[in-house]
Amino acid sequence: MIRHAIPYTAPTADCLCPQQACYGIIPALDCPDHGARRNPAMEWHEADGPFCRDSQGARFHCDRGHPMPADFYPAGEPDDWDDTCRCKPTA
């Protein structure tokens, strides 16, 4: 089974992982951002499963355009949402 990961931090320009339409990645072992040595926090789901089918283009984004973590559930009016980017700045 192939699984996609959605990292909780934005990838850098050095990321080697193939990007997926659901905003997920397939982590490459030698990727400096998401490889085996880094072991970053990520949300996992089945490739071509319900999450992929339902999430393509429908995920929430922070004020810098990065996908928000899967546990981001806005409440209230859109103007009141805290969509501040929590991603680490890239150098």
N, C-alpha and C. Protein backbone atom coordinates (compact mmCIF):
# COMPACT_ATOMS: atom_id res chain seq x y z
N MET A 1 0.85 -1.17 0.00
CA MET A 1 0.00 0.00 0.00
C MET A 1 0.89 1.24 0.00
N ILE A 2 0.58 2.17 -0.86
CA ILE A 2 1.30 3.45 -0.89
C ILE A 2 0.55 4.43 0.00
N ARG A 3 1.32 5.16 0.80
CA ARG A 3 0.72 6.18 1.67
C ARG A 3 1.34 7.53 1.36
N HIS A 4 0.54 8.56 1.51
CA HIS A 4 1.03 9.93 1.36
C HIS A 4 1.19 10.53 2.74
N ALA A 5 2.12 11.44 2.86
CA ALA A 5 2.36 12.15 4.11
C ALA A 5 2.11 13.63 3.87
N ILE A 6 1.52 14.29 4.85
CA ILE A 6 1.38 15.73 4.80
C ILE A 6 2.22 16.29 5.94
N PRO A 7 3.38 16.88 5.60
CA PRO A 7 4.27 17.41 6.64
C PRO A 7 3.65 18.63 7.31
N TYR A 8 3.97 18.82 8.55
CA TYR A 8 3.47 19.98 9.30
C TYR A 8 4.34 21.21 9.11
N THR A 9 5.44 21.08 8.37
CA THR A 9 6.28 22.24 8.05
C THR A 9 6.47 22.29 6.54
N ALA A 10 6.71 23.46 6.02
CA ALA A 10 6.88 23.65 4.58
C ALA A 10 8.20 23.06 4.12
N PRO A 11 8.22 22.44 2.94
CA PRO A 11 9.48 21.93 2.41
C PRO A 11 10.38 23.07 1.94
N THR A 12 11.67 22.82 1.95
CA THR A 12 12.62 23.80 1.42
C THR A 12 12.84 23.51 -0.06
N ALA A 13 13.65 24.30 -0.70
CA ALA A 13 13.97 24.09 -2.11
C ALA A 13 14.75 22.80 -2.33
N ASP A 14 15.34 22.25 -1.27
CA ASP A 14 16.12 21.02 -1.36
C ASP A 14 15.28 19.75 -1.27
N CYS A 15 13.97 19.87 -1.07
CA CYS A 15 13.10 18.71 -0.92
C CYS A 15 13.12 17.85 -2.18
N LEU A 16 13.31 16.55 -2.00
CA LEU A 16 13.37 15.59 -3.11
C LEU A 16 12.10 14.75 -3.23
N CYS A 17 11.13 15.00 -2.39
CA CYS A 17 9.93 14.16 -2.34
C CYS A 17 8.93 14.52 -3.44
N PRO A 18 8.36 13.52 -4.11
CA PRO A 18 7.34 13.80 -5.12
C PRO A 18 6.08 14.38 -4.47
N GLN A 19 5.62 15.53 -4.99
CA GLN A 19 4.42 16.19 -4.47
C GLN A 19 3.19 15.51 -5.06
N GLN A 20 2.12 15.41 -4.27
CA GLN A 20 0.88 14.80 -4.70
C GLN A 20 -0.23 15.84 -4.79
N ALA A 21 -1.29 15.53 -5.50
CA ALA A 21 -2.40 16.48 -5.69
C ALA A 21 -3.13 16.80 -4.40
N CYS A 22 -3.03 15.93 -3.39
CA CYS A 22 -3.70 16.15 -2.10
C CYS A 22 -2.85 17.02 -1.18
N TYR A 23 -1.77 17.60 -1.70
CA TYR A 23 -0.80 18.39 -0.95
C TYR A 23 0.12 17.52 -0.12
N GLY A 24 0.03 16.23 -0.30
CA GLY A 24 0.91 15.32 0.41
C GLY A 24 2.17 15.05 -0.39
N ILE A 25 3.03 14.24 0.18
CA ILE A 25 4.28 13.84 -0.46
C ILE A 25 4.45 12.34 -0.28
N ILE A 26 5.31 11.76 -1.10
CA ILE A 26 5.81 10.41 -0.85
C ILE A 26 7.26 10.62 -0.43
N PRO A 27 7.55 10.48 0.88
CA PRO A 27 8.88 10.82 1.37
C PRO A 27 9.99 10.01 0.72
N ALA A 28 11.01 10.72 0.26
CA ALA A 28 12.21 10.08 -0.29
C ALA A 28 13.19 9.87 0.86
N LEU A 29 13.78 8.69 0.94
CA LEU A 29 14.67 8.38 2.07
C LEU A 29 15.86 9.33 2.16
N ASP A 30 16.33 9.83 1.03
CA ASP A 30 17.49 10.70 1.05
C ASP A 30 17.13 12.19 1.03
N CYS A 31 15.87 12.52 1.22
CA CYS A 31 15.44 13.92 1.23
C CYS A 31 15.96 14.62 2.49
N PRO A 32 16.58 15.80 2.34
CA PRO A 32 17.10 16.51 3.51
C PRO A 32 15.98 17.05 4.41
N ASP A 33 14.76 17.21 3.89
CA ASP A 33 13.64 17.70 4.69
C ASP A 33 12.83 16.58 5.34
N HIS A 34 12.61 15.50 4.60
CA HIS A 34 11.66 14.47 5.04
C HIS A 34 12.23 13.06 5.07
N GLY A 35 13.53 12.92 4.88
CA GLY A 35 14.15 11.60 4.83
C GLY A 35 14.16 10.89 6.17
N ALA A 36 14.70 9.68 6.16
CA ALA A 36 14.70 8.82 7.33
C ALA A 36 15.43 9.44 8.52
N ARG A 37 16.47 10.22 8.27
CA ARG A 37 17.23 10.82 9.38
C ARG A 37 16.48 11.96 10.05
N ARG A 38 15.63 12.67 9.29
CA ARG A 38 14.92 13.82 9.83
C ARG A 38 13.71 13.41 10.65
N ASN A 39 12.93 12.45 10.15
CA ASN A 39 11.74 11.94 10.82
C ASN A 39 10.81 13.06 11.29
N PRO A 40 10.33 13.93 10.38
CA PRO A 40 9.46 15.04 10.80
C PRO A 40 8.05 14.57 11.13
N ALA A 41 7.33 15.41 11.85
CA ALA A 41 5.93 15.10 12.16
C ALA A 41 5.10 15.24 10.90
N MET A 42 4.34 14.19 10.57
CA MET A 42 3.52 14.20 9.38
C MET A 42 2.21 13.47 9.64
N GLU A 43 1.21 13.85 8.90
CA GLU A 43 -0.07 13.13 8.89
C GLU A 43 -0.02 12.17 7.71
N TRP A 44 -0.47 10.93 7.90
CA TRP A 44 -0.42 9.91 6.85
C TRP A 44 -1.82 9.52 6.42
N HIS A 45 -1.96 9.19 5.15
CA HIS A 45 -3.22 8.65 4.63
C HIS A 45 -2.93 7.78 3.41
N GLU A 46 -3.89 6.90 3.05
CA GLU A 46 -3.73 6.01 1.91
C GLU A 46 -3.76 6.79 0.61
N ALA A 47 -2.88 6.43 -0.30
CA ALA A 47 -2.92 7.03 -1.64
C ALA A 47 -4.21 6.60 -2.32
N ASP A 48 -4.86 7.51 -2.98
CA ASP A 48 -6.12 7.27 -3.67
C ASP A 48 -7.25 6.87 -2.73
N GLY A 49 -7.09 7.12 -1.45
CA GLY A 49 -8.15 6.85 -0.49
C GLY A 49 -9.09 8.04 -0.39
N PRO A 50 -10.02 7.99 0.56
CA PRO A 50 -10.99 9.07 0.70
C PRO A 50 -10.35 10.44 0.94
N PHE A 51 -9.28 10.49 1.71
CA PHE A 51 -8.65 11.78 1.98
C PHE A 51 -8.12 12.41 0.70
N CYS A 52 -7.46 11.61 -0.13
CA CYS A 52 -6.93 12.13 -1.40
C CYS A 52 -8.06 12.61 -2.30
N ARG A 53 -9.09 11.81 -2.42
CA ARG A 53 -10.20 12.18 -3.32
C ARG A 53 -10.92 13.43 -2.83
N ASP A 54 -11.10 13.57 -1.52
CA ASP A 54 -11.86 14.68 -0.97
C ASP A 54 -11.02 15.93 -0.74
N SER A 55 -9.71 15.81 -0.69
CA SER A 55 -8.86 16.93 -0.29
C SER A 55 -8.22 17.69 -1.44
N GLN A 56 -8.31 17.20 -2.64
CA GLN A 56 -7.60 17.85 -3.74
C GLN A 56 -8.16 19.24 -3.98
N GLY A 57 -7.37 20.21 -3.57
CA GLY A 57 -7.76 21.60 -3.75
C GLY A 57 -8.69 22.13 -2.68
N ALA A 58 -9.08 21.31 -1.71
CA ALA A 58 -10.07 21.75 -0.73
C ALA A 58 -9.49 22.03 0.64
N ARG A 59 -8.19 21.83 0.82
CA ARG A 59 -7.60 22.04 2.15
C ARG A 59 -7.47 23.52 2.45
N PHE A 60 -7.42 23.84 3.71
CA PHE A 60 -7.21 25.22 4.14
C PHE A 60 -5.73 25.56 4.03
N HIS A 61 -5.43 26.83 3.78
CA HIS A 61 -4.06 27.29 3.64
C HIS A 61 -3.80 28.43 4.61
N CYS A 62 -2.55 28.55 5.03
CA CYS A 62 -2.15 29.64 5.92
C CYS A 62 -2.05 30.93 5.12
N ASP A 63 -1.70 32.00 5.79
CA ASP A 63 -1.60 33.29 5.12
C ASP A 63 -0.43 33.36 4.13
N ARG A 64 0.49 32.37 4.17
CA ARG A 64 1.59 32.31 3.21
C ARG A 64 1.33 31.28 2.12
N GLY A 65 0.17 30.63 2.14
CA GLY A 65 -0.19 29.69 1.08
C GLY A 65 0.14 28.24 1.34
N HIS A 66 0.72 27.91 2.50
CA HIS A 66 1.04 26.52 2.83
C HIS A 66 -0.21 25.81 3.33
N PRO A 67 -0.33 24.50 3.06
CA PRO A 67 -1.46 23.75 3.61
C PRO A 67 -1.42 23.76 5.14
N MET A 68 -2.57 23.94 5.76
CA MET A 68 -2.66 23.91 7.22
C MET A 68 -2.63 22.45 7.68
N PRO A 69 -2.22 22.17 8.93
CA PRO A 69 -2.24 20.80 9.44
C PRO A 69 -3.64 20.22 9.39
N ALA A 70 -3.70 18.91 9.33
CA ALA A 70 -4.99 18.23 9.21
C ALA A 70 -5.91 18.50 10.39
N ASP A 71 -5.35 18.86 11.55
CA ASP A 71 -6.21 19.10 12.72
C ASP A 71 -6.71 20.54 12.78
N PHE A 72 -6.49 21.33 11.72
CA PHE A 72 -6.99 22.70 11.67
C PHE A 72 -8.46 22.67 11.26
N TYR A 73 -9.32 22.97 12.20
CA TYR A 73 -10.75 23.04 11.94
C TYR A 73 -11.22 24.43 12.33
N PRO A 74 -11.43 25.31 11.35
CA PRO A 74 -11.82 26.68 11.67
C PRO A 74 -13.21 26.74 12.27
N ALA A 75 -13.39 27.67 13.17
CA ALA A 75 -14.70 27.89 13.78
C ALA A 75 -15.06 29.35 13.59
N GLY A 76 -16.31 29.62 13.42
CA GLY A 76 -16.76 31.00 13.29
C GLY A 76 -16.60 31.53 11.88
N GLU A 77 -16.51 32.83 11.77
CA GLU A 77 -16.43 33.50 10.48
C GLU A 77 -15.01 33.43 9.91
N PRO A 78 -14.86 33.34 8.58
CA PRO A 78 -13.51 33.26 7.99
C PRO A 78 -12.59 34.41 8.40
N ASP A 79 -13.14 35.60 8.61
CA ASP A 79 -12.29 36.73 9.02
C ASP A 79 -11.71 36.54 10.42
N ASP A 80 -12.30 35.65 11.22
CA ASP A 80 -11.85 35.42 12.59
C ASP A 80 -10.89 34.23 12.71
N TRP A 81 -10.64 33.49 11.61
CA TRP A 81 -9.77 32.33 11.67
C TRP A 81 -8.34 32.75 11.92
N ASP A 82 -7.62 31.96 12.71
CA ASP A 82 -6.20 32.20 12.91
C ASP A 82 -5.45 31.39 11.87
N ASP A 83 -5.16 32.01 10.72
CA ASP A 83 -4.48 31.32 9.64
C ASP A 83 -3.00 31.75 9.56
N THR A 84 -2.47 32.17 10.69
CA THR A 84 -1.07 32.58 10.74
C THR A 84 -0.18 31.38 10.38
N CYS A 85 0.78 31.63 9.54
CA CYS A 85 1.68 30.56 9.12
C CYS A 85 2.52 30.10 10.30
N ARG A 86 2.55 28.80 10.52
CA ARG A 86 3.35 28.21 11.59
C ARG A 86 4.56 27.46 11.03
N CYS A 87 4.79 27.62 9.73
CA CYS A 87 5.91 26.95 9.08
C CYS A 87 7.21 27.63 9.43
N LYS A 88 8.26 26.84 9.50
CA LYS A 88 9.58 27.41 9.75
C LYS A 88 10.02 28.17 8.51
N PRO A 89 10.55 29.38 8.66
CA PRO A 89 11.02 30.10 7.49
C PRO A 89 12.17 29.37 6.82
N THR A 90 12.20 29.42 5.52
CA THR A 90 13.29 28.79 4.79
C THR A 90 14.39 29.80 4.55
N ALA A 91 15.61 29.33 4.63
CA ALA A 91 16.76 30.24 4.46
C ALA A 91 17.12 30.41 3.03
